[in-house]
C-alpha atoms as a PDB file:
ATOM      1  CA  MET A   1     -26.777  -2.844  28.626  1.00  0.00           C
ATOM      2  CA  LYS A   2     -25.882  -4.695  25.449  1.00  0.00           C
ATOM      3  CA  GLN A   3     -22.352  -5.291  24.170  1.00  0.00           C
ATOM      4  CA  ARG A   4     -22.497  -3.228  20.962  1.00  0.00           C
ATOM      5  CA  TYR A   5     -24.485  -0.108  20.092  1.00  0.00           C
ATOM      6  CA  ILE A   6     -25.032   2.044  17.086  1.00  0.00           C
ATOM      7  CA  VAL A   7     -26.000   5.285  18.815  1.00  0.00           C
ATOM      8  CA  ASP A   8     -28.491   7.444  16.934  1.00  0.00           C
ATOM      9  CA  THR A   9     -27.495  11.092  16.760  1.00  0.00           C
ATOM     10  CA  ASN A  10     -30.578  12.184  18.708  1.00  0.00           C
ATOM     11  CA  VAL A  11     -29.161  10.442  21.786  1.00  0.00           C
ATOM     12  CA  LEU A  12     -25.971  12.499  21.637  1.00  0.00           C
ATOM     13  CA  ILE A  13     -27.915  15.716  21.064  1.00  0.00           C
ATOM     14  CA  ALA A  14     -30.404  15.203  23.913  1.00  0.00           C
ATOM     15  CA  ALA A  15     -27.671  14.102  26.325  1.00  0.00           C
ATOM     16  CA  SER A  16     -25.536  17.110  25.393  1.00  0.00           C
ATOM     17  CA  ALA A  17     -28.479  19.438  26.059  1.00  0.00           C
ATOM     18  CA  ALA A  18     -28.968  17.818  29.486  1.00  0.00           C
ATOM     19  CA  ASP A  19     -25.308  17.704  30.517  1.00  0.00           C
ATOM     20  CA  PRO A  20     -25.288  18.850  34.166  1.00  0.00           C
ATOM     21  CA  VAL A  21     -21.741  20.241  33.881  1.00  0.00           C
ATOM     22  CA  ASN A  22     -21.702  21.884  30.447  1.00  0.00           C
ATOM     23  CA  PRO A  23     -25.170  21.860  28.843  1.00  0.00           C
ATOM     24  CA  THR A  24     -25.263  22.576  25.133  1.00  0.00           C
ATOM     25  CA  ASP A  25     -27.663  25.239  23.939  1.00  0.00           C
ATOM     26  CA  ILE A  26     -29.186  23.168  21.163  1.00  0.00           C
ATOM     27  CA  ASP A  27     -32.668  22.352  19.954  1.00  0.00           C
ATOM     28  CA  ALA A  28     -33.175  18.826  21.230  1.00  0.00           C
ATOM     29  CA  THR A  29     -35.995  16.363  21.524  1.00  0.00           C
ATOM     30  CA  PRO A  30     -37.214  15.591  24.120  1.00  0.00           C
ATOM     31  CA  ASN A  31     -37.830  19.068  25.519  1.00  0.00           C
ATOM     32  CA  GLU A  32     -38.562  17.989  29.081  1.00  0.00           C
ATOM     33  CA  PRO A  33     -35.471  18.431  31.296  1.00  0.00           C
ATOM     34  CA  GLU A  34     -36.112  15.280  33.350  1.00  0.00           C
ATOM     35  CA  VAL A  35     -36.478  13.153  30.211  1.00  0.00           C
ATOM     36  CA  ARG A  36     -33.327  14.663  28.704  1.00  0.00           C
ATOM     37  CA  LEU A  37     -31.552  13.829  31.942  1.00  0.00           C
ATOM     38  CA  ALA A  38     -32.608  10.187  31.537  1.00  0.00           C
ATOM     39  CA  VAL A  39     -30.923  10.213  28.107  1.00  0.00           C
ATOM     40  CA  TRP A  40     -27.822  11.795  29.644  1.00  0.00           C
ATOM     41  CA  ASN A  41     -27.771   9.106  32.351  1.00  0.00           C
ATOM     42  CA  TRP A  42     -27.976   6.340  29.740  1.00  0.00           C
ATOM     43  CA  LEU A  43     -25.139   7.860  27.687  1.00  0.00           C
ATOM     44  CA  ASP A  44     -23.021   8.441  30.793  1.00  0.00           C
ATOM     45  CA  THR A  45     -23.544   4.788  31.789  1.00  0.00           C
ATOM     46  CA  PHE A  46     -22.697   3.705  28.230  1.00  0.00           C
ATOM     47  CA  GLN A  47     -19.494   5.759  28.336  1.00  0.00           C
ATOM     48  CA  ARG A  48     -18.350   4.118  31.571  1.00  0.00           C
ATOM     49  CA  SER A  49     -19.427   0.610  30.546  1.00  0.00           C
ATOM     50  CA  ASP A  50     -17.610  -2.061  28.592  1.00  0.00           C
ATOM     51  CA  SER A  51     -20.198  -1.715  25.818  1.00  0.00           C
ATOM     52  CA  ARG A  52     -18.748  -0.885  22.445  1.00  0.00           C
ATOM     53  CA  LEU A  53     -19.698   1.836  19.971  1.00  0.00           C
ATOM     54  CA  VAL A  54     -20.214   0.647  16.406  1.00  0.00           C
ATOM     55  CA  LEU A  55     -19.222   3.088  13.658  1.00  0.00           C
ATOM     56  CA  ASP A  56     -18.790   2.697   9.932  1.00  0.00           C
ATOM     57  CA  PHE A  57     -15.279   2.648   8.466  1.00  0.00           C
ATOM     58  CA  GLU A  58     -16.491   5.227   5.952  1.00  0.00           C
ATOM     59  CA  ARG A  59     -16.973   7.654   8.911  1.00  0.00           C
ATOM     60  CA  GLN A  60     -20.399   8.846   7.765  1.00  0.00           C
ATOM     61  CA  ILE A  61     -22.031   8.238  11.150  1.00  0.00           C
ATOM     62  CA  GLU A  62     -19.327  10.181  12.927  1.00  0.00           C
ATOM     63  CA  ALA A  63     -19.569  12.932  10.297  1.00  0.00           C
ATOM     64  CA  GLU A  64     -23.268  13.288  11.141  1.00  0.00           C
ATOM     65  CA  TYR A  65     -22.421  13.515  14.843  1.00  0.00           C
ATOM     66  CA  ASN A  66     -19.899  16.252  14.091  1.00  0.00           C
ATOM     67  CA  ARG A  67     -22.340  18.199  11.900  1.00  0.00           C
ATOM     68  CA  LYS A  68     -24.883  18.300  14.718  1.00  0.00           C
ATOM     69  CA  LEU A  69     -22.599  18.816  17.729  1.00  0.00           C
ATOM     70  CA  LYS A  70     -19.461  20.688  18.714  1.00  0.00           C
ATOM     71  CA  TYR A  71     -16.185  19.324  20.068  1.00  0.00           C
ATOM     72  CA  GLY A  72     -16.938  20.143  23.721  1.00  0.00           C
ATOM     73  CA  ASP A  73     -20.452  18.706  23.716  1.00  0.00           C
ATOM     74  CA  PHE A  74     -21.013  15.724  25.990  1.00  0.00           C
ATOM     75  CA  GLY A  75     -22.138  13.451  23.136  1.00  0.00           C
ATOM     76  CA  ILE A  76     -18.934  14.059  21.157  1.00  0.00           C
ATOM     77  CA  GLN A  77     -16.862  13.578  24.309  1.00  0.00           C
ATOM     78  CA  VAL A  78     -18.469  10.151  24.791  1.00  0.00           C
ATOM     79  CA  VAL A  79     -17.556   9.168  21.220  1.00  0.00           C
ATOM     80  CA  MET A  80     -13.986  10.352  21.812  1.00  0.00           C
ATOM     81  CA  SER A  81     -13.876   8.440  25.102  1.00  0.00           C
ATOM     82  CA  LYS A  82     -14.884   5.229  23.340  1.00  0.00           C
ATOM     83  CA  TRP A  83     -12.115   5.823  20.768  1.00  0.00           C
ATOM     84  CA  ASP A  84      -9.606   6.481  23.586  1.00  0.00           C
ATOM     85  CA  LYS A  85     -10.571   3.203  25.287  1.00  0.00           C
ATOM     86  CA  CYS A  86     -10.335   1.252  22.013  1.00  0.00           C
ATOM     87  CA  ALA A  87     -14.043   0.497  22.476  1.00  0.00           C
ATOM     88  CA  VAL A  88     -15.118   1.240  18.897  1.00  0.00           C
ATOM     89  CA  ASP A  89     -15.903  -1.496  16.404  1.00  0.00           C
ATOM     90  CA  GLY A  90     -15.738  -0.538  12.755  1.00  0.00           C
ATOM     91  CA  VAL A  91     -18.023  -2.067  10.163  1.00  0.00           C
ATOM     92  CA  VAL A  92     -18.224  -1.703   6.407  1.00  0.00           C
ATOM     93  CA  VAL A  93     -21.307   0.144   5.200  1.00  0.00           C
ATOM     94  CA  ASP A  94     -22.011   0.506   1.499  1.00  0.00           C
ATOM     95  CA  TYR A  95     -23.389   3.872   0.411  1.00  0.00           C
ATOM     96  CA  ASP A  96     -25.335   4.849  -2.677  1.00  0.00           C
ATOM     97  CA  GLY A  97     -24.665   7.877  -4.878  1.00  0.00           C
ATOM     98  CA  ASP A  98     -26.743  10.083  -2.562  1.00  0.00           C
ATOM     99  CA  GLY A  99     -24.685   9.081   0.483  1.00  0.00           C
ATOM    100  CA  ASP A 100     -27.410   6.906   2.000  1.00  0.00           C
ATOM    101  CA  GLY A 101     -26.647   3.542   3.548  1.00  0.00           C
ATOM    102  CA  ILE A 102     -27.620   0.689   1.242  1.00  0.00           C
ATOM    103  CA  LEU A 103     -30.232  -1.617   2.758  1.00  0.00           C
ATOM    104  CA  PRO A 104     -31.742  -4.936   1.704  1.00  0.00           C
ATOM    105  CA  PRO A 105     -34.628  -4.287  -0.730  1.00  0.00           C
ATOM    106  CA  SER A 106     -37.197  -5.352   1.878  1.00  0.00           C
ATOM    107  CA  LEU A 107     -36.083  -2.534   4.225  1.00  0.00           C
ATOM    108  CA  VAL A 108     -35.886   0.262   1.660  1.00  0.00           C
ATOM    109  CA  PRO A 109     -39.601   1.167   1.811  1.00  0.00           C
ATOM    110  CA  VAL A 110     -39.624   0.703   5.598  1.00  0.00           C
ATOM    111  CA  VAL A 111     -36.763   3.013   6.619  1.00  0.00           C
ATOM    112  CA  HIS A 112     -38.008   6.155   4.900  1.00  0.00           C
ATOM    113  CA  ASP A 113     -35.626   8.482   6.766  1.00  0.00           C
ATOM    114  CA  ARG A 114     -32.581   8.357   4.525  1.00  0.00           C
ATOM    115  CA  ALA A 115     -30.263   9.662   7.269  1.00  0.00           C
ATOM    116  CA  ASP A 116     -31.195   6.678   9.440  1.00  0.00           C
ATOM    117  CA  ARG A 117     -30.346   4.173   6.721  1.00  0.00           C
ATOM    118  CA  LYS A 118     -26.651   4.363   7.582  1.00  0.00           C
ATOM    119  CA  MET A 119     -27.491   3.444  11.186  1.00  0.00           C
ATOM    120  CA  VAL A 120     -29.526   0.442  10.020  1.00  0.00           C
ATOM    121  CA  ALA A 121     -26.816  -0.590   7.549  1.00  0.00           C
ATOM    122  CA  ALA A 122     -24.229  -0.388  10.346  1.00  0.00           C
ATOM    123  CA  ALA A 123     -26.452  -2.523  12.599  1.00  0.00           C
ATOM    124  CA  LEU A 124     -26.831  -5.121   9.829  1.00  0.00           C
ATOM    125  CA  ALA A 125     -23.059  -5.148   9.302  1.00  0.00           C
ATOM    126  CA  SER A 126     -22.466  -5.410  13.049  1.00  0.00           C
ATOM    127  CA  TYR A 127     -24.811  -8.385  13.259  1.00  0.00           C
ATOM    128  CA  ALA A 128     -23.071 -10.049  10.315  1.00  0.00           C
ATOM    129  CA  GLN A 129     -19.611  -9.434  11.766  1.00  0.00           C
ATOM    130  CA  PHE A 130     -20.158  -9.776  15.528  1.00  0.00           C
ATOM    131  CA  GLY A 131     -23.540 -11.491  15.874  1.00  0.00           C
ATOM    132  CA  GLU A 132     -25.011  -8.419  17.544  1.00  0.00           C
ATOM    133  CA  GLY A 133     -25.580  -4.706  17.198  1.00  0.00           C
ATOM    134  CA  CYS A 134     -28.375  -2.619  18.659  1.00  0.00           C
ATOM    135  CA  ILE A 135     -29.524   0.856  17.650  1.00  0.00           C
ATOM    136  CA  ALA A 136     -30.049   3.068  20.707  1.00  0.00           C
ATOM    137  CA  PHE A 137     -32.386   6.000  20.131  1.00  0.00           C
ATOM    138  CA  ALA A 138     -34.120   8.696  22.134  1.00  0.00           C
ATOM    139  CA  GLY A 139     -36.253  11.452  20.593  1.00  0.00           C
ATOM    140  CA  ASP A 140     -36.854  10.042  17.109  1.00  0.00           C
ATOM    141  CA  THR A 141     -40.032   7.953  17.319  1.00  0.00           C
ATOM    142  CA  ASP A 142     -39.836   6.657  13.724  1.00  0.00           C
ATOM    143  CA  TRP A 143     -37.807   3.733  15.043  1.00  0.00           C
ATOM    144  CA  HIS A 144     -41.009   2.357  16.591  1.00  0.00           C
ATOM    145  CA  ASP A 145     -42.604   2.249  13.116  1.00  0.00           C
ATOM    146  CA  TRP A 146     -39.746   0.091  11.880  1.00  0.00           C
ATOM    147  CA  GLU A 147     -39.183  -2.192  14.900  1.00  0.00           C
ATOM    148  CA  ASP A 148     -40.907  -5.315  13.605  1.00  0.00           C
ATOM    149  CA  GLU A 149     -39.326  -5.229  10.153  1.00  0.00           C
ATOM    150  CA  LEU A 150     -35.905  -4.462  11.606  1.00  0.00           C
ATOM    151  CA  LEU A 151     -36.207  -7.361  14.036  1.00  0.00           C
ATOM    152  CA  GLU A 152     -36.968  -9.668  11.094  1.00  0.00           C
ATOM    153  CA  HIS A 153     -33.461  -8.689   9.870  1.00  0.00           C
ATOM    154  CA  ASP A 154     -31.892  -9.227  13.334  1.00  0.00           C
ATOM    155  CA  VAL A 155     -31.617  -5.485  13.978  1.00  0.00           C
ATOM    156  CA  LEU A 156     -32.464  -4.643  17.562  1.00  0.00           C
ATOM    157  CA  VAL A 157     -33.584  -1.195  18.655  1.00  0.00           C
ATOM    158  CA  GLU A 158     -33.410   0.140  22.195  1.00  0.00           C
ATOM    159  CA  PRO A 159     -35.627   3.080  23.059  1.00  0.00           C
ATOM    160  CA  ILE A 160     -33.686   4.762  25.855  1.00  0.00           C
ATOM    161  CA  ILE A 161     -36.726   6.686  27.058  1.00  0.00           C
ATOM    162  CA  GLU A 162     -39.238   4.038  26.094  1.00  0.00           C
ATOM    163  CA  GLU A 163     -42.314   5.279  27.953  1.00  0.00           C
ATOM    164  CA  TRP A 164     -41.818   8.799  26.571  1.00  0.00           C
ATOM    165  CA  SER A 165     -41.084   7.673  23.010  1.00  0.00           C
ATOM    166  CA  ARG A 166     -43.942   5.169  22.839  1.00  0.00           C
ATOM    167  CA  ASP A 167     -46.342   7.834  24.116  1.00  0.00           C
ATOM    168  CA  LYS A 168     -45.110  10.359  21.507  1.00  0.00           C
ATOM    169  CA  HIS A 169     -45.259   7.685  18.815  1.00  0.00           C
ATOM    170  CA  SER A 170     -48.818   6.744  19.744  1.00  0.00           C
ATOM    171  CA  LYS A 171     -49.943  10.396  19.680  1.00  0.00           C
ATOM    172  CA  LYS A 172     -48.238  10.918  16.310  1.00  0.00           C
ATOM    173  CA  LYS A 173     -50.006   7.890  14.842  1.00  0.00           C
ATOM    174  CA  MET A 174     -53.368   9.111  16.141  1.00  0.00           C
ATOM    175  CA  ARG A 175     -52.872  12.446  14.303  1.00  0.00           C
ATOM    176  CA  LYS A 176     -52.376  10.677  10.983  1.00  0.00           C
END
């Protein structure tokens, strides 16, 4: 496990749906219970680890979490736990007039999902400030499309359910 993570919202959603104690009734990808449980296990390990959660000072990442999940959901409880342990690192993310994270011009055409731009911008800021910052993701396979270009900008991505996500990504690319 790395030292600092920007956790994509899909991780919190899938883990909340798989929570063995209080599962959230939410539409989550992946659909397979055993794969969701792998996401839950990763997030549970992250919660108990010394790894730090990276959030933007502007609170847009956390606002997205709160739009998608409720207070009692496991994913939100992990975020709150990191706050309680003083294990959150804040970074400055600049936003445009539409509320999207501002990226270097070379990444703008790459990261087509505007909601994910704030995650990338936070990872860039984390790298600039701390020398590291990795985006952890689960059900959103677009991250695989962007891996090489992100790595050129020192942004690491960690597919939590790599075999599953690479398989889904490959099948999606074959349909296009």
